[in-house]
Amino acid sequence: MNRSLTYATTSRDGTGEGNLVVRRGLHADHDALAILAALDSSRPLTGRTVVADVDGYLVAAISLHDGRVVADPFVPTADIVEMLRVHTAGGRSSVARPRRGFLPLPAPRRLTPRLV
């Protein structure tokens, strides 16, 4: 997942807001992710992330570890968050995925002839 996706965004009134880039979070994004989490009143994301930035400013991010999202509450990001969720669907680590419990097999029954 080395590539980034770029989307041209426009507002409803037709004025351009800027370019939206969806990319893998980098180590250099650590401080920006911490600020984004503080704006969102949540704890910082852990593990690998995918971020969305508009003109170089991070507006939302999703953790590939547990699927948590942080977003700038002062920017309309509902569509961007949905795009991040779709983009990363199935990409979370196996540790974070809910494990499906297996039911134990029933004890084998003895095959004995039935006396009538």
N, C-alpha and C. Protein backbone atom coordinates (compact mmCIF):
# COMPACT_ATOMS: atom_id res chain seq x y z
N MET A 1 0.83 -1.18 0.00
CA MET A 1 0.00 0.00 0.00
C MET A 1 0.87 1.24 0.00
N ASN A 2 1.75 1.36 -0.95
CA ASN A 2 2.65 2.48 -1.06
C ASN A 2 2.03 3.66 -1.78
N ARG A 3 0.98 3.42 -2.53
CA ARG A 3 0.37 4.48 -3.32
C ARG A 3 -0.56 5.31 -2.47
N SER A 4 -0.78 6.54 -2.90
CA SER A 4 -1.79 7.37 -2.25
C SER A 4 -2.87 7.65 -3.27
N LEU A 5 -4.06 7.88 -2.78
CA LEU A 5 -5.19 8.19 -3.64
C LEU A 5 -5.48 9.67 -3.51
N THR A 6 -5.67 10.35 -4.63
CA THR A 6 -5.97 11.77 -4.61
C THR A 6 -7.36 11.99 -5.18
N TYR A 7 -8.14 12.78 -4.49
CA TYR A 7 -9.50 13.10 -4.92
C TYR A 7 -9.64 14.61 -4.96
N ALA A 8 -10.28 15.11 -5.99
CA ALA A 8 -10.62 16.53 -6.05
C ALA A 8 -11.96 16.69 -5.35
N THR A 9 -12.01 17.57 -4.40
CA THR A 9 -13.25 17.77 -3.65
C THR A 9 -13.81 19.15 -3.95
N THR A 10 -15.10 19.26 -3.95
CA THR A 10 -15.77 20.54 -4.11
C THR A 10 -16.87 20.62 -3.08
N SER A 11 -17.18 21.81 -2.68
CA SER A 11 -18.26 21.98 -1.72
C SER A 11 -19.59 22.01 -2.45
N ARG A 12 -20.69 22.03 -1.72
CA ARG A 12 -22.01 22.01 -2.33
C ARG A 12 -22.31 23.28 -3.13
N ASP A 13 -21.69 24.39 -2.74
CA ASP A 13 -21.95 25.63 -3.48
C ASP A 13 -21.05 25.77 -4.71
N GLY A 14 -20.21 24.75 -4.96
CA GLY A 14 -19.41 24.74 -6.18
C GLY A 14 -18.02 25.30 -6.02
N THR A 15 -17.70 25.88 -4.87
CA THR A 15 -16.34 26.39 -4.68
C THR A 15 -15.42 25.25 -4.31
N GLY A 16 -14.22 25.27 -4.78
CA GLY A 16 -13.28 24.19 -4.50
C GLY A 16 -12.74 24.28 -3.09
N GLU A 17 -12.68 23.15 -2.40
CA GLU A 17 -12.11 23.13 -1.05
C GLU A 17 -10.64 22.75 -1.09
N GLY A 18 -10.23 21.99 -2.09
CA GLY A 18 -8.85 21.57 -2.17
C GLY A 18 -8.77 20.12 -2.58
N ASN A 19 -7.57 19.59 -2.57
CA ASN A 19 -7.35 18.20 -2.95
C ASN A 19 -7.29 17.32 -1.72
N LEU A 20 -8.04 16.24 -1.77
CA LEU A 20 -8.04 15.26 -0.70
C LEU A 20 -7.09 14.14 -1.09
N VAL A 21 -6.13 13.84 -0.22
CA VAL A 21 -5.18 12.76 -0.45
C VAL A 21 -5.37 11.72 0.65
N VAL A 22 -5.60 10.48 0.26
CA VAL A 22 -5.70 9.36 1.20
C VAL A 22 -4.41 8.57 1.06
N ARG A 23 -3.69 8.44 2.16
CA ARG A 23 -2.39 7.76 2.11
C ARG A 23 -2.10 7.08 3.43
N ARG A 24 -1.08 6.24 3.41
CA ARG A 24 -0.64 5.58 4.63
C ARG A 24 -0.01 6.62 5.55
N GLY A 25 -0.31 6.51 6.82
CA GLY A 25 0.28 7.43 7.79
C GLY A 25 1.77 7.18 7.92
N LEU A 26 2.53 8.25 8.04
CA LEU A 26 3.98 8.17 8.16
C LEU A 26 4.40 8.49 9.58
N HIS A 27 5.64 8.17 9.90
CA HIS A 27 6.17 8.50 11.22
C HIS A 27 6.15 10.02 11.43
N ALA A 28 6.34 10.76 10.36
CA ALA A 28 6.34 12.22 10.44
C ALA A 28 4.96 12.77 10.78
N ASP A 29 3.91 11.98 10.64
CA ASP A 29 2.55 12.41 10.95
C ASP A 29 2.20 12.25 12.43
N HIS A 30 3.11 11.74 13.22
CA HIS A 30 2.83 11.43 14.62
C HIS A 30 2.27 12.64 15.38
N ASP A 31 2.94 13.79 15.26
CA ASP A 31 2.49 14.98 15.99
C ASP A 31 1.14 15.46 15.47
N ALA A 32 0.95 15.44 14.16
CA ALA A 32 -0.32 15.87 13.59
C ALA A 32 -1.45 14.94 14.01
N LEU A 33 -1.17 13.63 14.12
CA LEU A 33 -2.18 12.67 14.58
C LEU A 33 -2.53 12.91 16.05
N ALA A 34 -1.53 13.27 16.86
CA ALA A 34 -1.79 13.56 18.26
C ALA A 34 -2.67 14.81 18.40
N ILE A 35 -2.41 15.82 17.59
CA ILE A 35 -3.22 17.04 17.61
C ILE A 35 -4.64 16.73 17.14
N LEU A 36 -4.75 15.92 16.08
CA LEU A 36 -6.06 15.53 15.56
C LEU A 36 -6.87 14.77 16.61
N ALA A 37 -6.21 13.87 17.34
CA ALA A 37 -6.89 13.12 18.40
C ALA A 37 -7.33 14.05 19.53
N ALA A 38 -6.50 15.03 19.86
CA ALA A 38 -6.87 15.98 20.90
C ALA A 38 -8.08 16.82 20.47
N LEU A 39 -8.10 17.24 19.20
CA LEU A 39 -9.26 17.99 18.69
C LEU A 39 -10.53 17.15 18.76
N ASP A 40 -10.39 15.85 18.53
CA ASP A 40 -11.53 14.93 18.52
C ASP A 40 -11.88 14.44 19.92
N SER A 41 -11.14 14.88 20.92
CA SER A 41 -11.33 14.47 22.32
C SER A 41 -11.25 12.96 22.48
N SER A 42 -10.27 12.35 21.83
CA SER A 42 -10.06 10.91 21.97
C SER A 42 -8.57 10.65 22.11
N ARG A 43 -8.25 9.42 22.46
CA ARG A 43 -6.84 9.09 22.63
C ARG A 43 -6.20 8.88 21.25
N PRO A 44 -4.89 9.08 21.15
CA PRO A 44 -4.21 8.95 19.85
C PRO A 44 -4.32 7.54 19.30
N LEU A 45 -4.29 7.44 17.98
CA LEU A 45 -4.35 6.15 17.32
C LEU A 45 -3.05 5.39 17.52
N THR A 46 -3.15 4.07 17.54
CA THR A 46 -1.97 3.23 17.70
C THR A 46 -1.78 2.39 16.45
N GLY A 47 -0.56 1.99 16.22
CA GLY A 47 -0.26 1.12 15.09
C GLY A 47 -0.28 1.87 13.77
N ARG A 48 -0.38 1.10 12.70
CA ARG A 48 -0.39 1.69 11.36
C ARG A 48 -1.71 2.42 11.12
N THR A 49 -1.63 3.48 10.34
CA THR A 49 -2.80 4.31 10.08
C THR A 49 -2.91 4.62 8.59
N VAL A 50 -4.10 5.02 8.20
CA VAL A 50 -4.34 5.62 6.90
C VAL A 50 -4.92 6.99 7.19
N VAL A 51 -4.36 8.01 6.55
CA VAL A 51 -4.76 9.38 6.85
C VAL A 51 -5.37 10.02 5.61
N ALA A 52 -6.18 11.03 5.87
CA ALA A 52 -6.75 11.85 4.80
C ALA A 52 -6.32 13.28 5.06
N ASP A 53 -5.66 13.87 4.08
CA ASP A 53 -5.30 15.27 4.25
C ASP A 53 -5.84 16.09 3.10
N VAL A 54 -6.21 17.31 3.44
CA VAL A 54 -6.69 18.27 2.46
C VAL A 54 -5.67 19.39 2.42
N ASP A 55 -5.02 19.48 1.27
CA ASP A 55 -3.98 20.50 1.06
C ASP A 55 -2.90 20.47 2.16
N GLY A 56 -2.47 19.28 2.54
CA GLY A 56 -1.40 19.12 3.51
C GLY A 56 -1.82 19.16 4.96
N TYR A 57 -3.10 19.31 5.24
CA TYR A 57 -3.61 19.37 6.61
C TYR A 57 -4.41 18.11 6.89
N LEU A 58 -4.00 17.34 7.91
CA LEU A 58 -4.72 16.11 8.24
C LEU A 58 -6.10 16.44 8.80
N VAL A 59 -7.12 15.85 8.18
CA VAL A 59 -8.48 16.10 8.64
C VAL A 59 -9.11 14.85 9.25
N ALA A 60 -8.58 13.66 8.93
CA ALA A 60 -9.12 12.42 9.49
C ALA A 60 -8.07 11.33 9.36
N ALA A 61 -8.19 10.32 10.22
CA ALA A 61 -7.28 9.18 10.17
C ALA A 61 -7.98 7.97 10.76
N ILE A 62 -7.59 6.80 10.29
CA ILE A 62 -8.15 5.55 10.79
C ILE A 62 -7.01 4.62 11.14
N SER A 63 -7.15 3.90 12.23
CA SER A 63 -6.15 2.92 12.65
C SER A 63 -6.40 1.60 11.95
N LEU A 64 -5.36 1.04 11.37
CA LEU A 64 -5.49 -0.28 10.76
C LEU A 64 -5.48 -1.37 11.82
N HIS A 65 -5.07 -1.03 13.03
CA HIS A 65 -5.01 -2.01 14.11
C HIS A 65 -6.40 -2.32 14.65
N ASP A 66 -7.16 -1.27 14.99
CA ASP A 66 -8.45 -1.51 15.63
C ASP A 66 -9.63 -0.80 14.97
N GLY A 67 -9.39 -0.06 13.89
CA GLY A 67 -10.47 0.57 13.16
C GLY A 67 -10.98 1.87 13.77
N ARG A 68 -10.32 2.35 14.85
CA ARG A 68 -10.76 3.61 15.44
C ARG A 68 -10.46 4.76 14.50
N VAL A 69 -11.29 5.79 14.55
CA VAL A 69 -11.16 6.94 13.69
C VAL A 69 -11.05 8.20 14.53
N VAL A 70 -10.18 9.11 14.11
CA VAL A 70 -10.15 10.46 14.67
C VAL A 70 -10.33 11.41 13.51
N ALA A 71 -11.07 12.49 13.75
CA ALA A 71 -11.34 13.46 12.69
C ALA A 71 -11.43 14.86 13.28
N ASP A 72 -11.13 15.83 12.47
CA ASP A 72 -11.22 17.23 12.87
C ASP A 72 -12.69 17.61 12.99
N PRO A 73 -13.15 17.99 14.18
CA PRO A 73 -14.57 18.32 14.34
C PRO A 73 -14.97 19.65 13.71
N PHE A 74 -13.98 20.45 13.29
CA PHE A 74 -14.26 21.75 12.70
C PHE A 74 -14.29 21.73 11.18
N VAL A 75 -14.14 20.52 10.61
CA VAL A 75 -14.16 20.34 9.16
C VAL A 75 -15.22 19.27 8.87
N PRO A 76 -16.06 19.46 7.84
CA PRO A 76 -17.02 18.41 7.51
C PRO A 76 -16.29 17.16 6.99
N THR A 77 -16.27 16.12 7.81
CA THR A 77 -15.46 14.94 7.47
C THR A 77 -16.26 13.65 7.40
N ALA A 78 -17.57 13.70 7.47
CA ALA A 78 -18.36 12.47 7.48
C ALA A 78 -18.11 11.65 6.22
N ASP A 79 -18.10 12.29 5.05
CA ASP A 79 -17.84 11.57 3.80
C ASP A 79 -16.40 11.05 3.74
N ILE A 80 -15.48 11.83 4.27
CA ILE A 80 -14.07 11.43 4.26
C ILE A 80 -13.86 10.22 5.17
N VAL A 81 -14.50 10.23 6.34
CA VAL A 81 -14.38 9.09 7.26
C VAL A 81 -14.97 7.84 6.61
N GLU A 82 -16.10 7.98 5.95
CA GLU A 82 -16.70 6.82 5.26
C GLU A 82 -15.77 6.31 4.17
N MET A 83 -15.11 7.21 3.46
CA MET A 83 -14.16 6.82 2.43
C MET A 83 -12.98 6.07 3.04
N LEU A 84 -12.50 6.53 4.19
CA LEU A 84 -11.40 5.83 4.88
C LEU A 84 -11.84 4.44 5.30
N ARG A 85 -13.05 4.32 5.81
CA ARG A 85 -13.54 3.00 6.25
C ARG A 85 -13.66 2.04 5.08
N VAL A 86 -14.16 2.54 3.95
CA VAL A 86 -14.28 1.68 2.77
C VAL A 86 -12.90 1.33 2.23
N HIS A 87 -12.01 2.31 2.24
CA HIS A 87 -10.65 2.09 1.73
C HIS A 87 -9.89 1.05 2.54
N THR A 88 -10.14 0.99 3.84
CA THR A 88 -9.39 0.09 4.71
C THR A 88 -10.17 -1.15 5.10
N ALA A 89 -11.33 -1.37 4.52
CA ALA A 89 -12.14 -2.54 4.87
C ALA A 89 -11.34 -3.82 4.65
N GLY A 90 -11.24 -4.63 5.67
CA GLY A 90 -10.50 -5.88 5.57
C GLY A 90 -9.02 -5.73 5.75
N GLY A 91 -8.54 -4.53 5.98
CA GLY A 91 -7.11 -4.33 6.10
C GLY A 91 -6.58 -4.28 7.51
N ARG A 92 -7.46 -4.48 8.50
CA ARG A 92 -6.99 -4.44 9.89
C ARG A 92 -6.22 -5.69 10.25
N SER A 93 -5.38 -5.58 11.25
CA SER A 93 -4.56 -6.71 11.65
C SER A 93 -5.42 -7.82 12.24
N SER A 94 -4.92 -9.02 12.18
CA SER A 94 -5.67 -10.17 12.68
C SER A 94 -5.85 -10.10 14.19
N VAL A 95 -4.99 -9.36 14.89
CA VAL A 95 -5.13 -9.22 16.33
C VAL A 95 -6.38 -8.43 16.66
N ALA A 96 -6.70 -7.42 15.84
CA ALA A 96 -7.83 -6.55 16.14
C ALA A 96 -9.15 -7.11 15.65
N ARG A 97 -9.11 -8.05 14.73
CA ARG A 97 -10.36 -8.61 14.21
C ARG A 97 -11.03 -9.45 15.28
N PRO A 98 -12.33 -9.36 15.38
CA PRO A 98 -13.01 -10.19 16.36
C PRO A 98 -12.85 -11.66 15.99
N ARG A 99 -12.51 -12.45 16.97
CA ARG A 99 -12.31 -13.88 16.72
C ARG A 99 -13.64 -14.58 16.81
N ARG A 100 -13.82 -15.46 15.93
CA ARG A 100 -15.05 -16.23 15.92
C ARG A 100 -14.85 -17.46 16.79
N GLY A 101 -15.68 -17.61 17.78
CA GLY A 101 -15.56 -18.75 18.67
C GLY A 101 -16.07 -20.02 18.01
N PHE A 102 -15.34 -21.07 18.20
CA PHE A 102 -15.77 -22.35 17.65
C PHE A 102 -16.41 -23.16 18.76
N LEU A 103 -17.51 -23.77 18.42
CA LEU A 103 -18.20 -24.60 19.39
C LEU A 103 -17.52 -25.96 19.45
N PRO A 104 -17.40 -26.51 20.64
CA PRO A 104 -16.78 -27.84 20.72
C PRO A 104 -17.69 -28.88 20.08
N LEU A 105 -17.08 -29.86 19.51
CA LEU A 105 -17.86 -30.94 18.91
C LEU A 105 -18.50 -31.78 20.01
N PRO A 106 -19.68 -32.30 19.77
CA PRO A 106 -20.30 -33.14 20.79
C PRO A 106 -19.50 -34.42 20.97
N ALA A 107 -19.59 -34.95 22.16
CA ALA A 107 -18.86 -36.19 22.45
C ALA A 107 -19.38 -37.30 21.55
N PRO A 108 -18.49 -38.11 21.01
CA PRO A 108 -18.96 -39.19 20.13
C PRO A 108 -19.80 -40.18 20.92
N ARG A 109 -20.89 -40.59 20.31
CA ARG A 109 -21.76 -41.58 20.97
C ARG A 109 -21.34 -42.97 20.53
N ARG A 110 -21.46 -43.87 21.46
CA ARG A 110 -21.12 -45.26 21.15
C ARG A 110 -22.19 -45.89 20.30
N LEU A 111 -21.77 -46.58 19.31
CA LEU A 111 -22.74 -47.27 18.47
C LEU A 111 -22.93 -48.69 19.01
N THR A 112 -23.96 -48.85 19.77
CA THR A 112 -24.29 -50.17 20.32
C THR A 112 -25.65 -50.58 19.81
N PRO A 113 -25.83 -51.84 19.57
CA PRO A 113 -27.13 -52.28 19.08
C PRO A 113 -28.18 -52.10 20.16
N ARG A 114 -29.32 -51.68 19.73
CA ARG A 114 -30.42 -51.46 20.64
C ARG A 114 -31.18 -52.77 20.83
N LEU A 115 -31.39 -53.14 22.06
CA LEU A 115 -32.13 -54.38 22.36
C LEU A 115 -33.60 -54.06 22.48
N VAL A 116 -34.37 -54.78 21.74
CA VAL A 116 -35.81 -54.54 21.76
C VAL A 116 -36.51 -55.58 22.58
